[in-house]
């Protein structure tokens, strides 16, 4: 049993010491839409997965985005990938604090349209399809913007929990061997 506890301590200290590779943030907001390109107002619900290393200004690279805009699934566009307007070379940077995005923002696609969420004095969104560029008048403020940390445990937490359950199960299954009592 001591050998098992020693192995558990070494394994546990090795896994707990490792840093997480990414963090998740739940993002929700209501977008006004764009009458020029025919994009209607809708609600965005999604999860941003960000890198673990910020840049000098405290922004993290957005690695992936999952969720919906209205009833359409969203897909993250690569940096510089906002197709409708070359003046918006999105950088896909996010900071989990006010002024959440840079002026270049993050871009995603949903339902055949393209969206760029960025910060310029306030949070704004440019929505477009491939044939209409984002003119200054089509850049609308967003409302009800909320960011909350995701609740996905780190891998080390899962490992520790599973090892703990395994040890509890093993100790419950282990039966003490009856000792023979000898009378003289």
C-alpha atoms as a PDB file:
ATOM      1  CA  UNK A   1       0.000   0.000   0.000  1.00  0.00           C
ATOM      2  CA  UNK A   2       2.903   2.368   0.764  1.00  0.00           C
ATOM      3  CA  UNK A   3       4.275   1.770  -2.735  1.00  0.00           C
ATOM      4  CA  UNK A   4       0.915   2.763  -4.216  1.00  0.00           C
ATOM      5  CA  UNK A   5       0.747   5.950  -2.153  1.00  0.00           C
ATOM      6  CA  UNK A   6       4.310   6.899  -3.115  1.00  0.00           C
ATOM      7  CA  UNK A   7       3.548   6.370  -6.812  1.00  0.00           C
ATOM      8  CA  UNK A   8       0.359   8.393  -6.428  1.00  0.00           C
ATOM      9  CA  UNK A   9       2.256  11.269  -4.767  1.00  0.00           C
ATOM     10  CA  UNK A  10       4.897  11.373  -7.529  1.00  0.00           C
ATOM     11  CA  UNK A  11       2.291  11.126 -10.311  1.00  0.00           C
ATOM     12  CA  UNK A  12       0.045  13.714  -8.662  1.00  0.00           C
ATOM     13  CA  UNK A  13       2.825  16.249  -8.190  1.00  0.00           C
ATOM     14  CA  UNK A  14       3.890  15.824 -11.843  1.00  0.00           C
ATOM     15  CA  UNK A  15       0.386  16.381 -13.201  1.00  0.00           C
ATOM     16  CA  UNK A  16      -0.600  19.228 -10.905  1.00  0.00           C
ATOM     17  CA  UNK A  17       2.561  21.182 -11.696  1.00  0.00           C
ATOM     18  CA  UNK A  18       1.724  21.388 -15.423  1.00  0.00           C
ATOM     19  CA  UNK A  19       0.103  24.536 -16.784  1.00  0.00           C
ATOM     20  CA  UNK A  20      -3.170  24.536 -18.647  1.00  0.00           C
ATOM     21  CA  UNK A  21      -2.949  24.887 -22.411  1.00  0.00           C
ATOM     22  CA  UNK A  22      -6.085  26.947 -22.857  1.00  0.00           C
ATOM     23  CA  UNK A  23      -8.974  28.565 -21.017  1.00  0.00           C
ATOM     24  CA  UNK A  24     -12.627  28.813 -21.986  1.00  0.00           C
ATOM     25  CA  UNK A  25     -14.904  31.834 -21.657  1.00  0.00           C
ATOM     26  CA  UNK A  26     -18.637  31.878 -22.267  1.00  0.00           C
ATOM     27  CA  UNK A  27     -19.608  34.957 -24.304  1.00  0.00           C
ATOM     28  CA  UNK A  28     -23.150  36.225 -24.905  1.00  0.00           C
ATOM     29  CA  UNK A  29     -24.426  39.364 -26.576  1.00  0.00           C
ATOM     30  CA  UNK A  30     -27.236  40.772 -28.701  1.00  0.00           C
ATOM     31  CA  UNK A  31     -26.269  42.128 -32.091  1.00  0.00           C
ATOM     32  CA  UNK A  32     -28.205  44.827 -33.904  1.00  0.00           C
ATOM     33  CA  UNK A  33     -27.671  43.389 -37.390  1.00  0.00           C
ATOM     34  CA  UNK A  34     -27.055  45.264 -40.624  1.00  0.00           C
ATOM     35  CA  UNK A  35     -29.912  46.515 -42.776  1.00  0.00           C
ATOM     36  CA  UNK A  36     -27.541  47.263 -45.677  1.00  0.00           C
ATOM     37  CA  UNK A  37     -26.434  43.644 -46.066  1.00  0.00           C
ATOM     38  CA  UNK A  38     -29.700  42.112 -44.871  1.00  0.00           C
ATOM     39  CA  UNK A  39     -28.243  40.581 -41.699  1.00  0.00           C
ATOM     40  CA  UNK A  40     -30.939  40.539 -39.041  1.00  0.00           C
ATOM     41  CA  UNK A  41     -30.500  41.191 -35.338  1.00  0.00           C
ATOM     42  CA  UNK A  42     -29.818  38.081 -33.296  1.00  0.00           C
ATOM     43  CA  UNK A  43     -28.301  36.704 -30.121  1.00  0.00           C
ATOM     44  CA  UNK A  44     -24.807  35.222 -29.987  1.00  0.00           C
ATOM     45  CA  UNK A  45     -24.085  32.442 -27.480  1.00  0.00           C
ATOM     46  CA  UNK A  46     -20.656  30.908 -27.670  1.00  0.00           C
ATOM     47  CA  UNK A  47     -17.515  29.681 -25.989  1.00  0.00           C
ATOM     48  CA  UNK A  48     -14.120  31.188 -26.802  1.00  0.00           C
ATOM     49  CA  UNK A  49     -11.093  28.984 -26.198  1.00  0.00           C
ATOM     50  CA  UNK A  50      -8.008  31.137 -25.733  1.00  0.00           C
ATOM     51  CA  UNK A  51      -4.268  30.467 -25.549  1.00  0.00           C
ATOM     52  CA  UNK A  52      -2.484  30.412 -22.204  1.00  0.00           C
ATOM     53  CA  UNK A  53       0.048  33.163 -22.993  1.00  0.00           C
ATOM     54  CA  UNK A  54      -1.034  36.815 -23.253  1.00  0.00           C
ATOM     55  CA  UNK A  55       0.724  39.408 -25.374  1.00  0.00           C
ATOM     56  CA  UNK A  56       2.281  42.510 -23.821  1.00  0.00           C
ATOM     57  CA  UNK A  57      -1.112  44.288 -23.654  1.00  0.00           C
ATOM     58  CA  UNK A  58      -2.785  41.312 -21.902  1.00  0.00           C
ATOM     59  CA  UNK A  59      -4.646  39.940 -24.934  1.00  0.00           C
ATOM     60  CA  UNK A  60      -4.862  36.210 -25.625  1.00  0.00           C
ATOM     61  CA  UNK A  61      -5.148  34.571 -29.060  1.00  0.00           C
ATOM     62  CA  UNK A  62      -8.584  33.019 -29.682  1.00  0.00           C
ATOM     63  CA  UNK A  63      -7.913  29.415 -30.700  1.00  0.00           C
ATOM     64  CA  UNK A  64     -11.488  28.320 -31.383  1.00  0.00           C
ATOM     65  CA  UNK A  65     -15.081  29.399 -31.051  1.00  0.00           C
ATOM     66  CA  UNK A  66     -18.149  27.211 -30.676  1.00  0.00           C
ATOM     67  CA  UNK A  67     -21.767  28.207 -30.321  1.00  0.00           C
ATOM     68  CA  UNK A  68     -24.596  29.809 -32.245  1.00  0.00           C
ATOM     69  CA  UNK A  69     -25.716  33.107 -33.619  1.00  0.00           C
ATOM     70  CA  UNK A  70     -29.467  32.883 -33.734  1.00  0.00           C
ATOM     71  CA  UNK A  71     -29.958  29.298 -34.908  1.00  0.00           C
ATOM     72  CA  UNK A  72     -26.755  29.096 -36.979  1.00  0.00           C
ATOM     73  CA  UNK A  73     -23.509  27.458 -35.859  1.00  0.00           C
ATOM     74  CA  UNK A  74     -20.477  29.761 -35.773  1.00  0.00           C
ATOM     75  CA  UNK A  75     -17.008  29.167 -37.237  1.00  0.00           C
ATOM     76  CA  UNK A  76     -13.936  31.180 -36.276  1.00  0.00           C
ATOM     77  CA  UNK A  77     -12.223  32.902 -39.199  1.00  0.00           C
ATOM     78  CA  UNK A  78      -8.408  32.959 -39.187  1.00  0.00           C
ATOM     79  CA  UNK A  79      -6.554  36.196 -38.362  1.00  0.00           C
ATOM     80  CA  UNK A  80      -6.849  38.518 -41.349  1.00  0.00           C
ATOM     81  CA  UNK A  81      -9.718  36.392 -42.621  1.00  0.00           C
ATOM     82  CA  UNK A  82     -12.628  38.841 -42.598  1.00  0.00           C
ATOM     83  CA  UNK A  83     -13.509  38.488 -46.309  1.00  0.00           C
ATOM     84  CA  UNK A  84     -15.802  41.388 -47.001  1.00  0.00           C
ATOM     85  CA  UNK A  85     -13.489  44.275 -46.221  1.00  0.00           C
ATOM     86  CA  UNK A  86      -9.710  44.268 -46.415  1.00  0.00           C
ATOM     87  CA  UNK A  87      -9.589  47.263 -44.050  1.00  0.00           C
ATOM     88  CA  UNK A  88     -10.598  44.916 -41.198  1.00  0.00           C
ATOM     89  CA  UNK A  89      -7.645  42.518 -40.803  1.00  0.00           C
ATOM     90  CA  UNK A  90      -9.031  40.854 -37.670  1.00  0.00           C
ATOM     91  CA  UNK A  91      -6.420  39.676 -35.180  1.00  0.00           C
ATOM     92  CA  UNK A  92      -8.619  37.330 -33.070  1.00  0.00           C
ATOM     93  CA  UNK A  93      -7.323  38.652 -29.755  1.00  0.00           C
ATOM     94  CA  UNK A  94      -9.398  38.606 -26.542  1.00  0.00           C
ATOM     95  CA  UNK A  95      -8.883  39.880 -22.992  1.00  0.00           C
ATOM     96  CA  UNK A  96     -11.199  38.649 -20.199  1.00  0.00           C
ATOM     97  CA  UNK A  97     -11.689  42.214 -18.910  1.00  0.00           C
ATOM     98  CA  UNK A  98     -13.364  45.405 -20.215  1.00  0.00           C
ATOM     99  CA  UNK A  99     -12.124  46.474 -23.643  1.00  0.00           C
ATOM    100  CA  UNK A 100     -12.412  42.759 -24.373  1.00  0.00           C
ATOM    101  CA  UNK A 101     -11.220  43.005 -27.985  1.00  0.00           C
ATOM    102  CA  UNK A 102      -8.765  45.083 -29.981  1.00  0.00           C
ATOM    103  CA  UNK A 103      -9.856  47.514 -32.697  1.00  0.00           C
ATOM    104  CA  UNK A 104      -9.305  44.685 -35.190  1.00  0.00           C
ATOM    105  CA  UNK A 105     -11.445  42.253 -33.196  1.00  0.00           C
ATOM    106  CA  UNK A 106     -12.386  38.628 -33.756  1.00  0.00           C
ATOM    107  CA  UNK A 107     -14.219  37.421 -36.827  1.00  0.00           C
ATOM    108  CA  UNK A 108     -16.524  34.478 -37.339  1.00  0.00           C
ATOM    109  CA  UNK A 109     -18.973  33.151 -39.909  1.00  0.00           C
ATOM    110  CA  UNK A 110     -22.538  31.974 -39.306  1.00  0.00           C
ATOM    111  CA  UNK A 111     -25.425  31.300 -41.689  1.00  0.00           C
ATOM    112  CA  UNK A 112     -23.546  32.530 -44.768  1.00  0.00           C
ATOM    113  CA  UNK A 113     -22.689  35.899 -43.202  1.00  0.00           C
ATOM    114  CA  UNK A 114     -19.510  37.230 -41.639  1.00  0.00           C
ATOM    115  CA  UNK A 115     -19.152  39.086 -38.360  1.00  0.00           C
ATOM    116  CA  UNK A 116     -16.367  41.107 -36.762  1.00  0.00           C
ATOM    117  CA  UNK A 117     -16.694  41.912 -33.051  1.00  0.00           C
ATOM    118  CA  UNK A 118     -14.283  44.665 -31.988  1.00  0.00           C
ATOM    119  CA  UNK A 119     -13.718  47.497 -29.519  1.00  0.00           C
ATOM    120  CA  UNK A 120     -13.716  51.129 -30.612  1.00  0.00           C
ATOM    121  CA  UNK A 121     -14.793  53.388 -27.695  1.00  0.00           C
ATOM    122  CA  UNK A 122     -17.382  50.655 -27.048  1.00  0.00           C
ATOM    123  CA  UNK A 123     -18.083  47.123 -28.232  1.00  0.00           C
ATOM    124  CA  UNK A 124     -19.241  47.100 -31.847  1.00  0.00           C
ATOM    125  CA  UNK A 125     -19.965  44.573 -34.514  1.00  0.00           C
ATOM    126  CA  UNK A 126     -19.623  44.746 -38.255  1.00  0.00           C
ATOM    127  CA  UNK A 127     -21.829  42.272 -40.097  1.00  0.00           C
ATOM    128  CA  UNK A 128     -21.593  41.529 -43.766  1.00  0.00           C
ATOM    129  CA  UNK A 129     -22.031  39.012 -46.528  1.00  0.00           C
ATOM    130  CA  UNK A 130     -19.422  38.454 -49.220  1.00  0.00           C
ATOM    131  CA  UNK A 131     -20.821  41.122 -51.529  1.00  0.00           C
ATOM    132  CA  UNK A 132     -21.225  44.011 -49.083  1.00  0.00           C
ATOM    133  CA  UNK A 133     -18.367  45.643 -47.211  1.00  0.00           C
ATOM    134  CA  UNK A 134     -18.620  46.979 -43.681  1.00  0.00           C
ATOM    135  CA  UNK A 135     -19.073  50.677 -44.156  1.00  0.00           C
ATOM    136  CA  UNK A 136     -18.838  53.001 -41.160  1.00  0.00           C
ATOM    137  CA  UNK A 137     -22.647  53.176 -40.929  1.00  0.00           C
ATOM    138  CA  UNK A 138     -23.025  49.395 -40.733  1.00  0.00           C
ATOM    139  CA  UNK A 139     -20.869  49.042 -37.642  1.00  0.00           C
ATOM    140  CA  UNK A 140     -23.373  48.727 -34.834  1.00  0.00           C
ATOM    141  CA  UNK A 141     -22.940  48.662 -31.052  1.00  0.00           C
ATOM    142  CA  UNK A 142     -23.748  45.409 -29.289  1.00  0.00           C
ATOM    143  CA  UNK A 143     -25.847  45.150 -26.150  1.00  0.00           C
ATOM    144  CA  UNK A 144     -26.049  42.785 -23.219  1.00  0.00           C
ATOM    145  CA  UNK A 145     -22.414  41.690 -23.590  1.00  0.00           C
ATOM    146  CA  UNK A 146     -21.439  39.156 -20.901  1.00  0.00           C
ATOM    147  CA  UNK A 147     -18.277  37.132 -20.367  1.00  0.00           C
ATOM    148  CA  UNK A 148     -18.038  34.380 -17.760  1.00  0.00           C
ATOM    149  CA  UNK A 149     -15.231  31.871 -17.221  1.00  0.00           C
ATOM    150  CA  UNK A 150     -15.962  28.419 -18.598  1.00  0.00           C
ATOM    151  CA  UNK A 151     -16.340  25.553 -16.173  1.00  0.00           C
ATOM    152  CA  UNK A 152     -14.215  22.936 -17.925  1.00  0.00           C
ATOM    153  CA  UNK A 153     -11.779  21.405 -15.412  1.00  0.00           C
ATOM    154  CA  UNK A 154      -8.101  21.150 -16.273  1.00  0.00           C
ATOM    155  CA  UNK A 155      -6.746  17.694 -17.224  1.00  0.00           C
ATOM    156  CA  UNK A 156      -4.768  17.461 -13.972  1.00  0.00           C
ATOM    157  CA  UNK A 157      -8.012  17.873 -12.023  1.00  0.00           C
ATOM    158  CA  UNK A 158      -9.609  14.986 -13.917  1.00  0.00           C
ATOM    159  CA  UNK A 159      -6.546  12.792 -13.332  1.00  0.00           C
ATOM    160  CA  UNK A 160      -6.513  13.517  -9.602  1.00  0.00           C
ATOM    161  CA  UNK A 161     -10.248  12.839  -9.320  1.00  0.00           C
ATOM    162  CA  UNK A 162     -10.051   9.535 -11.209  1.00  0.00           C
ATOM    163  CA  UNK A 163      -7.003   8.351  -9.248  1.00  0.00           C
ATOM    164  CA  UNK A 164      -8.776   9.262  -6.009  1.00  0.00           C
ATOM    165  CA  UNK A 165     -11.891   7.306  -6.983  1.00  0.00           C
ATOM    166  CA  UNK A 166      -9.699   4.369  -7.969  1.00  0.00           C
ATOM    167  CA  UNK A 167      -7.917   4.407  -4.627  1.00  0.00           C
ATOM    168  CA  UNK A 168     -11.217   4.623  -2.739  1.00  0.00           C
ATOM    169  CA  UNK A 169     -12.565   1.687  -4.726  1.00  0.00           C
ATOM    170  CA  UNK A 170      -9.411  -0.330  -4.132  1.00  0.00           C
ATOM    171  CA  UNK A 171      -9.482   0.346  -0.398  1.00  0.00           C
ATOM    172  CA  UNK A 172     -13.161  -0.597  -0.180  1.00  0.00           C
ATOM    173  CA  UNK A 173     -12.547  -3.793  -2.104  1.00  0.00           C
ATOM    174  CA  UNK A 174      -9.493  -4.754  -0.071  1.00  0.00           C
ATOM    175  CA  UNK A 175     -10.541  -7.086   2.699  1.00  0.00           C
ATOM    176  CA  UNK A 176      -8.552  -7.675   5.794  1.00  0.00           C
ATOM    177  CA  UNK A 177      -7.378 -11.200   6.042  1.00  0.00           C
ATOM    178  CA  UNK A 178      -8.672 -12.869   9.148  1.00  0.00           C
ATOM    179  CA  UNK A 179      -5.938 -13.548  11.633  1.00  0.00           C
ATOM    180  CA  UNK A 180      -5.833 -16.961  13.146  1.00  0.00           C
ATOM    181  CA  UNK A 181      -5.950 -16.898  16.877  1.00  0.00           C
ATOM    182  CA  UNK A 182      -4.033 -19.715  18.486  1.00  0.00           C
ATOM    183  CA  UNK A 183      -4.952 -20.854  21.985  1.00  0.00           C
ATOM    184  CA  UNK A 184      -2.409 -22.758  23.973  1.00  0.00           C
END
